[in-house]
Amino acid sequence: MIPQGRKPDQAQLRRSVSGSYYAMFHALARMCADSLVATQFKKRSNKAWVEVYRGLAHGSCLNACKRASNVNFPQEIKDFSDVFQQLQDARHRADYDPGARFSKEKALEVVGLAETAMKALNTVPMLDRRAFAAWVLITSPGAEKTRKQG
């Protein structure tokens, strides 16, 4: 994270940007597992919960988030999807572009975007969270065909 009281170096700023994306990715994975399996440990199959949690793939999540704005999802899900796209791009720059530079202000902005999007996602009704979980997890040809038909 970003150290307090002193100027962070680029490595710290890059880790902060990258970590913000991964926080969103893991929040999405938890939301999927909780909404499709169960939130309470005693009332769920842990094996199934872990399988759903680990079922997310970065690329398919990105594609699903790109298309989410055209679906009748609540605004909080559309906003989460938009921030997810922005932060995945920022993470790629932070992790793979040696020429990329981040300011402390930009890193703090990215952290704030992630925090706001994750909090808003948690306010969405369970019915909509389940629909979004299915949307990002199920990428079979049949599901894709159905989505294109509307």
Protein backbone atom coordinates (compact mmCIF):
# COMPACT_ATOMS: atom_id res chain seq x y z
CA MET A 1 0.00 0.00 0.00
CA ILE A 2 0.93 3.64 -0.10
CA PRO A 3 3.14 4.64 2.87
CA GLN A 4 2.02 7.56 4.99
CA GLY A 5 4.32 10.48 5.72
CA ARG A 6 6.90 9.93 2.98
CA LYS A 7 6.99 9.97 -0.79
CA PRO A 8 6.22 6.51 -2.17
CA ASP A 9 8.48 5.06 -4.83
CA GLN A 10 7.18 3.71 -8.15
CA ALA A 11 7.27 0.11 -6.92
CA GLN A 12 4.94 0.98 -4.04
CA LEU A 13 2.62 2.94 -6.32
CA ARG A 14 2.55 0.07 -8.85
CA ARG A 15 1.74 -2.45 -6.12
CA SER A 16 -1.07 -0.20 -4.91
CA VAL A 17 -2.60 0.08 -8.39
CA SER A 18 -2.21 -3.64 -9.04
CA GLY A 19 -3.55 -4.54 -5.60
CA SER A 20 -6.64 -2.39 -6.15
CA TYR A 21 -7.55 -4.43 -9.22
CA TYR A 22 -6.95 -7.71 -7.40
CA ALA A 23 -9.11 -6.51 -4.50
CA MET A 24 -11.96 -5.99 -6.98
CA PHE A 25 -11.34 -9.35 -8.62
CA HIS A 26 -11.47 -11.14 -5.26
CA ALA A 27 -14.56 -9.16 -4.19
CA LEU A 28 -16.25 -10.33 -7.38
CA ALA A 29 -15.14 -13.92 -6.77
CA ARG A 30 -16.52 -13.81 -3.21
CA MET A 31 -19.80 -12.26 -4.40
CA CYS A 32 -20.19 -15.04 -6.97
CA ALA A 33 -19.47 -17.80 -4.47
CA ASP A 34 -21.65 -16.26 -1.76
CA SER A 35 -24.59 -15.61 -4.07
CA LEU A 36 -24.52 -18.96 -5.85
CA VAL A 37 -23.53 -21.29 -2.99
CA ALA A 38 -24.08 -19.59 0.39
CA THR A 39 -22.53 -17.01 2.67
CA GLN A 40 -22.58 -18.98 5.91
CA PHE A 41 -19.85 -21.57 6.27
CA LYS A 42 -22.10 -24.02 8.14
CA LYS A 43 -24.79 -23.87 5.44
CA ARG A 44 -22.63 -24.45 2.39
CA SER A 45 -20.46 -26.98 0.72
CA ASN A 46 -17.02 -25.47 1.08
CA LYS A 47 -15.84 -27.44 -1.95
CA ALA A 48 -18.58 -25.93 -4.10
CA TRP A 49 -17.93 -22.44 -2.70
CA VAL A 50 -14.21 -22.67 -3.53
CA GLU A 51 -15.00 -24.05 -6.98
CA VAL A 52 -17.23 -21.08 -7.77
CA TYR A 53 -14.73 -18.63 -6.25
CA ARG A 54 -11.92 -20.09 -8.36
CA GLY A 55 -14.17 -20.32 -11.43
CA LEU A 56 -13.51 -16.73 -12.42
CA ALA A 57 -11.03 -16.00 -15.16
CA HIS A 58 -9.63 -12.52 -15.68
CA GLY A 59 -10.29 -12.43 -19.42
CA SER A 60 -13.86 -13.69 -19.31
CA CYS A 61 -14.62 -11.32 -16.41
CA LEU A 62 -13.32 -8.44 -18.48
CA ASN A 63 -15.46 -9.45 -21.47
CA ALA A 64 -18.54 -9.83 -19.27
CA CYS A 65 -17.92 -6.43 -17.66
CA LYS A 66 -17.54 -4.81 -21.08
CA ARG A 67 -20.99 -6.08 -22.06
CA ALA A 68 -22.70 -5.44 -18.71
CA SER A 69 -23.62 -1.86 -19.62
CA ASN A 70 -26.01 -3.25 -22.26
CA VAL A 71 -27.85 -5.48 -19.78
CA ASN A 72 -30.65 -4.55 -17.42
CA PHE A 73 -28.40 -4.66 -14.34
CA PRO A 74 -28.65 -2.13 -11.50
CA GLN A 75 -26.43 0.92 -11.89
CA GLU A 76 -24.12 -0.30 -9.10
CA ILE A 77 -23.27 -3.39 -11.17
CA LYS A 78 -22.73 -1.31 -14.30
CA ASP A 79 -20.48 1.05 -12.32
CA PHE A 80 -18.55 -1.90 -10.82
CA SER A 81 -18.10 -3.31 -14.32
CA ASP A 82 -16.80 0.00 -15.63
CA VAL A 83 -14.30 0.38 -12.78
CA PHE A 84 -13.25 -3.28 -13.18
CA GLN A 85 -12.30 -2.55 -16.80
CA GLN A 86 -10.41 0.61 -15.88
CA LEU A 87 -8.50 -1.09 -13.09
CA GLN A 88 -7.61 -4.15 -15.13
CA ASP A 89 -6.05 -1.81 -17.70
CA ALA A 90 -4.25 0.11 -14.95
CA ARG A 91 -3.02 -3.16 -13.45
CA HIS A 92 -1.62 -4.26 -16.80
CA ARG A 93 0.26 -0.98 -17.09
CA ALA A 94 1.49 -1.22 -13.49
CA ASP A 95 2.61 -4.84 -13.82
CA TYR A 96 3.94 -4.99 -17.38
CA ASP A 97 4.84 -1.52 -18.69
CA PRO A 98 8.25 -0.49 -17.36
CA GLY A 99 7.72 3.01 -18.78
CA ALA A 100 4.46 3.62 -16.93
CA ARG A 101 4.62 6.12 -14.09
CA PHE A 102 2.05 6.64 -11.38
CA SER A 103 1.63 9.60 -9.08
CA LYS A 104 0.56 9.23 -5.47
CA GLU A 105 -2.65 11.05 -6.39
CA LYS A 106 -3.40 8.61 -9.22
CA ALA A 107 -2.72 5.60 -7.01
CA LEU A 108 -5.03 7.01 -4.31
CA GLU A 109 -7.69 7.65 -6.96
CA VAL A 110 -7.47 4.02 -8.11
CA VAL A 111 -7.75 2.77 -4.51
CA GLY A 112 -10.80 5.00 -3.99
CA LEU A 113 -12.48 3.82 -7.18
CA ALA A 114 -12.04 0.19 -6.14
CA GLU A 115 -13.32 0.78 -2.60
CA THR A 116 -16.39 2.68 -3.81
CA ALA A 117 -17.25 0.08 -6.46
CA MET A 118 -16.88 -2.84 -4.05
CA LYS A 119 -19.04 -1.16 -1.38
CA ALA A 120 -21.73 -0.37 -3.94
CA LEU A 121 -21.72 -3.96 -5.25
CA ASN A 122 -22.49 -5.19 -1.74
CA THR A 123 -25.66 -3.05 -1.66
CA VAL A 124 -27.18 -4.72 -4.72
CA PRO A 125 -30.13 -7.05 -4.02
CA MET A 126 -29.23 -10.76 -3.96
CA LEU A 127 -31.37 -11.51 -7.02
CA ASP A 128 -29.27 -9.10 -9.09
CA ARG A 129 -25.99 -10.35 -7.59
CA ARG A 130 -26.93 -13.89 -8.60
CA ALA A 131 -27.71 -12.73 -12.13
CA PHE A 132 -24.37 -10.92 -12.34
CA ALA A 133 -22.55 -13.96 -10.94
CA ALA A 134 -24.06 -16.14 -13.66
CA TRP A 135 -23.22 -13.45 -16.21
CA VAL A 136 -19.49 -13.42 -15.37
CA LEU A 137 -19.10 -17.14 -14.67
CA ILE A 138 -21.03 -18.88 -17.42
CA THR A 139 -19.22 -18.41 -20.71
CA SER A 140 -20.32 -21.52 -22.61
CA PRO A 141 -21.28 -21.23 -26.29
CA GLY A 142 -24.94 -21.82 -25.37
CA ALA A 143 -24.92 -18.97 -22.85
CA GLU A 144 -23.23 -16.69 -25.36
CA LYS A 145 -25.83 -17.53 -28.03
CA THR A 146 -28.68 -16.79 -25.60
CA ARG A 147 -27.12 -13.45 -24.66
CA LYS A 148 -26.84 -12.42 -28.30
CA GLN A 149 -30.51 -13.25 -28.87
CA GLY A 150 -31.45 -10.87 -26.08
